[in-house]
Amino acid sequence: FVAAGLFAQNNMTVATEKANLAKESLDSG
């Protein structure tokens, strides 16, 4: 369970980073 929680947490960290980068691309056209 701890490993699963850490995996989900790491996924969310990376997902948020990718979403922020995608937002920058969106804003730049």
PDB file of all heavy atoms in Angstrom:
ATOM      1  N   PHE A   1       0.817  -1.212   0.000  1.00  0.00           N
ATOM      2  CA  PHE A   1       0.000   0.000   0.000  1.00  0.00           C
ATOM      3  C   PHE A   1       0.850   1.262   0.000  1.00  0.00           C
ATOM      4  O   PHE A   1       0.539   2.247  -0.665  1.00  0.00           O
ATOM      5  CB  PHE A   1      -0.957   0.011   1.201  1.00  0.00           C
ATOM      6  CG  PHE A   1      -2.223  -0.753   0.958  1.00  0.00           C
ATOM      7  CD1 PHE A   1      -2.460  -1.958   1.596  1.00  0.00           C
ATOM      8  CD2 PHE A   1      -3.185  -0.265   0.073  1.00  0.00           C
ATOM      9  CE1 PHE A   1      -3.633  -2.657   1.368  1.00  0.00           C
ATOM     10  CE2 PHE A   1      -4.361  -0.965  -0.155  1.00  0.00           C
ATOM     11  CZ  PHE A   1      -4.586  -2.173   0.493  1.00  0.00           C
ATOM     12  N   VAL A   2       1.922   1.231   0.756  1.00  0.00           N
ATOM     13  CA  VAL A   2       2.821   2.384   0.794  1.00  0.00           C
ATOM     14  C   VAL A   2       3.437   2.628  -0.580  1.00  0.00           C
ATOM     15  O   VAL A   2       3.506   3.750  -1.063  1.00  0.00           O
ATOM     16  CB  VAL A   2       3.928   2.179   1.846  1.00  0.00           C
ATOM     17  CG1 VAL A   2       5.009   3.241   1.697  1.00  0.00           C
ATOM     18  CG2 VAL A   2       3.334   2.221   3.245  1.00  0.00           C
ATOM     19  N   ALA A   3       3.858   1.534  -1.228  1.00  0.00           N
ATOM     20  CA  ALA A   3       4.456   1.647  -2.556  1.00  0.00           C
ATOM     21  C   ALA A   3       3.454   2.188  -3.563  1.00  0.00           C
ATOM     22  O   ALA A   3       3.785   3.032  -4.408  1.00  0.00           O
ATOM     23  CB  ALA A   3       4.968   0.284  -3.007  1.00  0.00           C
ATOM     24  N   ALA A   4       2.206   1.706  -3.461  1.00  0.00           N
ATOM     25  CA  ALA A   4       1.159   2.174  -4.371  1.00  0.00           C
ATOM     26  C   ALA A   4       0.898   3.656  -4.165  1.00  0.00           C
ATOM     27  O   ALA A   4       0.717   4.422  -5.115  1.00  0.00           O
ATOM     28  CB  ALA A   4      -0.123   1.376  -4.160  1.00  0.00           C
ATOM     29  N   GLY A   5       0.892   4.074  -2.895  1.00  0.00           N
ATOM     30  CA  GLY A   5       0.673   5.480  -2.590  1.00  0.00           C
ATOM     31  C   GLY A   5       1.789   6.358  -3.118  1.00  0.00           C
ATOM     32  O   GLY A   5       1.538   7.430  -3.678  1.00  0.00           O
ATOM     33  N   LEU A   6       3.025   5.893  -2.963  1.00  0.00           N
ATOM     34  CA  LEU A   6       4.164   6.650  -3.470  1.00  0.00           C
ATOM     35  C   LEU A   6       4.139   6.724  -4.992  1.00  0.00           C
ATOM     36  O   LEU A   6       4.478   7.752  -5.584  1.00  0.00           O
ATOM     37  CB  LEU A   6       5.473   6.007  -2.998  1.00  0.00           C
ATOM     38  CG  LEU A   6       5.779   6.136  -1.500  1.00  0.00           C
ATOM     39  CD1 LEU A   6       7.013   5.312  -1.137  1.00  0.00           C
ATOM     40  CD2 LEU A   6       5.986   7.601  -1.123  1.00  0.00           C
ATOM     41  N   PHE A   7       3.707   5.612  -5.626  1.00  0.00           N
ATOM     42  CA  PHE A   7       3.617   5.580  -7.093  1.00  0.00           C
ATOM     43  C   PHE A   7       2.604   6.602  -7.584  1.00  0.00           C
ATOM     44  O   PHE A   7       2.859   7.375  -8.514  1.00  0.00           O
ATOM     45  CB  PHE A   7       3.214   4.172  -7.546  1.00  0.00           C
ATOM     46  CG  PHE A   7       3.002   4.040  -9.026  1.00  0.00           C
ATOM     47  CD1 PHE A   7       4.085   3.995  -9.895  1.00  0.00           C
ATOM     48  CD2 PHE A   7       1.714   3.973  -9.549  1.00  0.00           C
ATOM     49  CE1 PHE A   7       3.885   3.884 -11.262  1.00  0.00           C
ATOM     50  CE2 PHE A   7       1.512   3.855 -10.913  1.00  0.00           C
ATOM     51  CZ  PHE A   7       2.604   3.816 -11.764  1.00  0.00           C
ATOM     52  N   ALA A   8       1.426   6.653  -6.923  1.00  0.00           N
ATOM     53  CA  ALA A   8       0.384   7.597  -7.308  1.00  0.00           C
ATOM     54  C   ALA A   8       0.850   9.031  -7.080  1.00  0.00           C
ATOM     55  O   ALA A   8       0.611   9.916  -7.902  1.00  0.00           O
ATOM     56  CB  ALA A   8      -0.894   7.320  -6.519  1.00  0.00           C
ATOM     57  N   GLN A   9       1.530   9.237  -5.943  1.00  0.00           N
ATOM     58  CA  GLN A   9       2.026  10.574  -5.639  1.00  0.00           C
ATOM     59  C   GLN A   9       3.055  11.035  -6.665  1.00  0.00           C
ATOM     60  O   GLN A   9       3.026  12.183  -7.122  1.00  0.00           O
ATOM     61  CB  GLN A   9       2.645  10.592  -4.236  1.00  0.00           C
ATOM     62  CG  GLN A   9       3.093  11.971  -3.773  1.00  0.00           C
ATOM     63  CD  GLN A   9       3.649  11.941  -2.363  1.00  0.00           C
ATOM     64  OE1 GLN A   9       3.826  10.893  -1.767  1.00  0.00           O
ATOM     65  NE2 GLN A   9       3.922  13.128  -1.825  1.00  0.00           N
ATOM     66  N   ASN A  10       3.957  10.141  -7.036  1.00  0.00           N
ATOM     67  CA  ASN A  10       4.967  10.473  -8.043  1.00  0.00           C
ATOM     68  C   ASN A  10       4.308  10.754  -9.395  1.00  0.00           C
ATOM     69  O   ASN A  10       4.693  11.690 -10.099  1.00  0.00           O
ATOM     70  CB  ASN A  10       5.964   9.327  -8.180  1.00  0.00           C
ATOM     71  CG  ASN A  10       7.060   9.642  -9.181  1.00  0.00           C
ATOM     72  OD1 ASN A  10       7.830  10.575  -9.001  1.00  0.00           O
ATOM     73  ND2 ASN A  10       7.113   8.857 -10.259  1.00  0.00           N
ATOM     74  N   ASN A  11       3.299   9.957  -9.745  1.00  0.00           N
ATOM     75  CA  ASN A  11       2.565  10.180 -10.993  1.00  0.00           C
ATOM     76  C   ASN A  11       1.937  11.569 -11.022  1.00  0.00           C
ATOM     77  O   ASN A  11       1.995  12.274 -12.028  1.00  0.00           O
ATOM     78  CB  ASN A  11       1.459   9.129 -11.157  1.00  0.00           C
ATOM     79  CG  ASN A  11       1.963   7.885 -11.863  1.00  0.00           C
ATOM     80  OD1 ASN A  11       3.098   7.837 -12.328  1.00  0.00           O
ATOM     81  ND2 ASN A  11       1.120   6.872 -11.933  1.00  0.00           N
ATOM     82  N   MET A  12       1.348  11.961  -9.902  1.00  0.00           N
ATOM     83  CA  MET A  12       0.703  13.264  -9.848  1.00  0.00           C
ATOM     84  C   MET A  12       1.712  14.403  -9.961  1.00  0.00           C
ATOM     85  O   MET A  12       1.435  15.434 -10.587  1.00  0.00           O
ATOM     86  CB  MET A  12      -0.099  13.402  -8.548  1.00  0.00           C
ATOM     87  CG  MET A  12      -1.500  12.814  -8.638  1.00  0.00           C
ATOM     88  SD  MET A  12      -2.458  13.491 -10.027  1.00  0.00           S
ATOM     89  CE  MET A  12      -2.523  15.232  -9.581  1.00  0.00           C
ATOM     90  N   THR A  13       2.878  14.199  -9.373  1.00  0.00           N
ATOM     91  CA  THR A  13       3.913  15.224  -9.476  1.00  0.00           C
ATOM     92  C   THR A  13       4.334  15.418 -10.927  1.00  0.00           C
ATOM     93  O   THR A  13       4.411  16.544 -11.435  1.00  0.00           O
ATOM     94  CB  THR A  13       5.139  14.835  -8.630  1.00  0.00           C
ATOM     95  OG1 THR A  13       4.754  14.717  -7.262  1.00  0.00           O
ATOM     96  CG2 THR A  13       6.237  15.879  -8.753  1.00  0.00           C
ATOM     97  N   VAL A  14       4.583  14.304 -11.599  1.00  0.00           N
ATOM     98  CA  VAL A  14       4.991  14.364 -13.007  1.00  0.00           C
ATOM     99  C   VAL A  14       3.853  14.878 -13.878  1.00  0.00           C
ATOM    100  O   VAL A  14       4.063  15.686 -14.793  1.00  0.00           O
ATOM    101  CB  VAL A  14       5.461  12.979 -13.493  1.00  0.00           C
ATOM    102  CG1 VAL A  14       5.826  13.030 -14.976  1.00  0.00           C
ATOM    103  CG2 VAL A  14       6.649  12.499 -12.679  1.00  0.00           C
ATOM    104  N   ALA A  15       2.627  14.417 -13.581  1.00  0.00           N
ATOM    105  CA  ALA A  15       1.464  14.856 -14.354  1.00  0.00           C
ATOM    106  C   ALA A  15       1.271  16.358 -14.249  1.00  0.00           C
ATOM    107  O   ALA A  15       0.991  17.037 -15.252  1.00  0.00           O
ATOM    108  CB  ALA A  15       0.205  14.143 -13.869  1.00  0.00           C
ATOM    109  N   THR A  16       1.437  16.884 -13.055  1.00  0.00           N
ATOM    110  CA  THR A  16       1.290  18.327 -12.853  1.00  0.00           C
ATOM    111  C   THR A  16       2.363  19.098 -13.610  1.00  0.00           C
ATOM    112  O   THR A  16       2.087  20.142 -14.230  1.00  0.00           O
ATOM    113  CB  THR A  16       1.363  18.662 -11.355  1.00  0.00           C
ATOM    114  OG1 THR A  16       0.325  17.944 -10.659  1.00  0.00           O
ATOM    115  CG2 THR A  16       1.169  20.156 -11.124  1.00  0.00           C
ATOM    116  N   GLU A  17       3.583  18.594 -13.586  1.00  0.00           N
ATOM    117  CA  GLU A  17       4.675  19.239 -14.326  1.00  0.00           C
ATOM    118  C   GLU A  17       4.378  19.255 -15.816  1.00  0.00           C
ATOM    119  O   GLU A  17       4.567  20.277 -16.494  1.00  0.00           O
ATOM    120  CB  GLU A  17       5.990  18.509 -14.048  1.00  0.00           C
ATOM    121  CG  GLU A  17       6.510  18.682 -12.623  1.00  0.00           C
ATOM    122  CD  GLU A  17       7.735  17.828 -12.348  1.00  0.00           C
ATOM    123  OE1 GLU A  17       8.104  17.029 -13.246  1.00  0.00           O
ATOM    124  OE2 GLU A  17       8.308  17.950 -11.256  1.00  0.00           O
ATOM    125  N   LYS A  18       3.912  18.127 -16.333  1.00  0.00           N
ATOM    126  CA  LYS A  18       3.601  18.045 -17.761  1.00  0.00           C
ATOM    127  C   LYS A  18       2.436  18.964 -18.129  1.00  0.00           C
ATOM    128  O   LYS A  18       2.437  19.602 -19.194  1.00  0.00           O
ATOM    129  CB  LYS A  18       3.280  16.595 -18.144  1.00  0.00           C
ATOM    130  CG  LYS A  18       4.507  15.692 -18.182  1.00  0.00           C
ATOM    131  CD  LYS A  18       4.152  14.300 -18.668  1.00  0.00           C
ATOM    132  CE  LYS A  18       5.394  13.430 -18.804  1.00  0.00           C
ATOM    133  NZ  LYS A  18       6.290  13.909 -19.885  1.00  0.00           N
ATOM    134  N   ALA A  19       1.445  19.046 -17.255  1.00  0.00           N
ATOM    135  CA  ALA A  19       0.305  19.922 -17.514  1.00  0.00           C
ATOM    136  C   ALA A  19       0.737  21.387 -17.529  1.00  0.00           C
ATOM    137  O   ALA A  19       0.269  22.173 -18.365  1.00  0.00           O
ATOM    138  CB  ALA A  19      -0.777  19.700 -16.469  1.00  0.00           C
ATOM    139  N   ASN A  20       1.634  21.749 -16.618  1.00  0.00           N
ATOM    140  CA  ASN A  20       2.118  23.130 -16.584  1.00  0.00           C
ATOM    141  C   ASN A  20       2.912  23.471 -17.848  1.00  0.00           C
ATOM    142  O   ASN A  20       2.779  24.568 -18.404  1.00  0.00           O
ATOM    143  CB  ASN A  20       2.998  23.352 -15.351  1.00  0.00           C
ATOM    144  CG  ASN A  20       2.174  23.435 -14.071  1.00  0.00           C
ATOM    145  OD1 ASN A  20       1.009  23.815 -14.102  1.00  0.00           O
ATOM    146  ND2 ASN A  20       2.763  23.059 -12.951  1.00  0.00           N
ATOM    147  N   LEU A  21       3.730  22.535 -18.308  1.00  0.00           N
ATOM    148  CA  LEU A  21       4.485  22.751 -19.540  1.00  0.00           C
ATOM    149  C   LEU A  21       3.541  22.847 -20.745  1.00  0.00           C
ATOM    150  O   LEU A  21       3.744  23.668 -21.648  1.00  0.00           O
ATOM    151  CB  LEU A  21       5.495  21.625 -19.757  1.00  0.00           C
ATOM    152  CG  LEU A  21       6.697  21.605 -18.807  1.00  0.00           C
ATOM    153  CD1 LEU A  21       7.516  20.332 -19.011  1.00  0.00           C
ATOM    154  CD2 LEU A  21       7.577  22.835 -19.032  1.00  0.00           C
ATOM    155  N   ALA A  22       2.516  22.000 -20.729  1.00  0.00           N
ATOM    156  CA  ALA A  22       1.528  22.034 -21.816  1.00  0.00           C
ATOM    157  C   ALA A  22       0.791  23.360 -21.829  1.00  0.00           C
ATOM    158  O   ALA A  22       0.496  23.913 -22.900  1.00  0.00           O
ATOM    159  CB  ALA A  22       0.547  20.878 -21.656  1.00  0.00           C
ATOM    160  N   LYS A  23       0.496  23.895 -20.640  1.00  0.00           N
ATOM    161  CA  LYS A  23      -0.177  25.201 -20.551  1.00  0.00           C
ATOM    162  C   LYS A  23       0.708  26.296 -21.148  1.00  0.00           C
ATOM    163  O   LYS A  23       0.218  27.201 -21.837  1.00  0.00           O
ATOM    164  CB  LYS A  23      -0.470  25.505 -19.078  1.00  0.00           C
ATOM    165  CG  LYS A  23      -1.097  26.884 -18.824  1.00  0.00           C
ATOM    166  CD  LYS A  23      -2.464  27.012 -19.474  1.00  0.00           C
ATOM    167  CE  LYS A  23      -3.236  28.206 -18.919  1.00  0.00           C
ATOM    168  NZ  LYS A  23      -2.512  29.474 -19.009  1.00  0.00           N
ATOM    169  N   GLU A  24       2.002  26.218 -20.929  1.00  0.00           N
ATOM    170  CA  GLU A  24       2.921  27.198 -21.517  1.00  0.00           C
ATOM    171  C   GLU A  24       2.890  27.114 -23.046  1.00  0.00           C
ATOM    172  O   GLU A  24       2.893  28.141 -23.740  1.00  0.00           O
ATOM    173  CB  GLU A  24       4.336  26.959 -21.003  1.00  0.00           C
ATOM    174  CG  GLU A  24       4.522  27.282 -19.521  1.00  0.00           C
ATOM    175  CD  GLU A  24       5.928  26.981 -19.037  1.00  0.00           C
ATOM    176  OE1 GLU A  24       6.799  26.673 -19.896  1.00  0.00           O
ATOM    177  OE2 GLU A  24       6.172  27.032 -17.819  1.00  0.00           O
ATOM    178  N   SER A  25       2.863  25.883 -23.551  1.00  0.00           N
ATOM    179  CA  SER A  25       2.784  25.699 -25.009  1.00  0.00           C
ATOM    180  C   SER A  25       1.474  26.247 -25.551  1.00  0.00           C
ATOM    181  O   SER A  25       1.430  26.877 -26.617  1.00  0.00           O
ATOM    182  CB  SER A  25       2.912  24.215 -25.364  1.00  0.00           C
ATOM    183  OG  SER A  25       4.176  23.714 -24.998  1.00  0.00           O
ATOM    184  N   LEU A  26       0.403  26.027 -24.810  1.00  0.00           N
ATOM    185  CA  LEU A  26      -0.917  26.528 -25.219  1.00  0.00           C
ATOM    186  C   LEU A  26      -0.915  28.051 -25.280  1.00  0.00           C
ATOM    187  O   LEU A  26      -1.396  28.642 -26.256  1.00  0.00           O
ATOM    188  CB  LEU A  26      -1.970  26.040 -24.226  1.00  0.00           C
ATOM    189  CG  LEU A  26      -3.438  26.250 -24.601  1.00  0.00           C
ATOM    190  CD1 LEU A  26      -3.809  25.372 -25.794  1.00  0.00           C
ATOM    191  CD2 LEU A  26      -4.333  25.928 -23.414  1.00  0.00           C
ATOM    192  N   ASP A  27      -0.350  28.670 -24.269  1.00  0.00           N
ATOM    193  CA  ASP A  27      -0.316  30.134 -24.217  1.00  0.00           C
ATOM    194  C   ASP A  27       0.538  30.734 -25.335  1.00  0.00           C
ATOM    195  O   ASP A  27       0.285  31.849 -25.782  1.00  0.00           O
ATOM    196  CB  ASP A  27       0.216  30.596 -22.860  1.00  0.00           C
ATOM    197  CG  ASP A  27      -0.749  30.306 -21.725  1.00  0.00           C
ATOM    198  OD1 ASP A  27      -1.943  30.093 -22.006  1.00  0.00           O
ATOM    199  OD2 ASP A  27      -0.312  30.271 -20.555  1.00  0.00           O
ATOM    200  N   SER A  28       1.543  29.972 -25.771  1.00  0.00           N
ATOM    201  CA  SER A  28       2.433  30.472 -26.826  1.00  0.00           C
ATOM    202  C   SER A  28       1.914  30.163 -28.230  1.00  0.00           C
ATOM    203  O   SER A  28       2.532  30.551 -29.222  1.00  0.00           O
ATOM    204  CB  SER A  28       3.838  29.886 -26.663  1.00  0.00           C
ATOM    205  OG  SER A  28       3.832  28.491 -26.936  1.00  0.00           O
ATOM    206  N   GLY A  29       0.787  29.447 -28.311  1.00  0.00           N
ATOM    207  CA  GLY A  29       0.202  29.138 -29.617  1.00  0.00           C
ATOM    208  C   GLY A  29       0.721  27.863 -30.247  1.00  0.00           C
ATOM    209  O   GLY A  29       0.412  27.567 -31.405  1.00  0.00           O
TER     210      GLY A  29
END
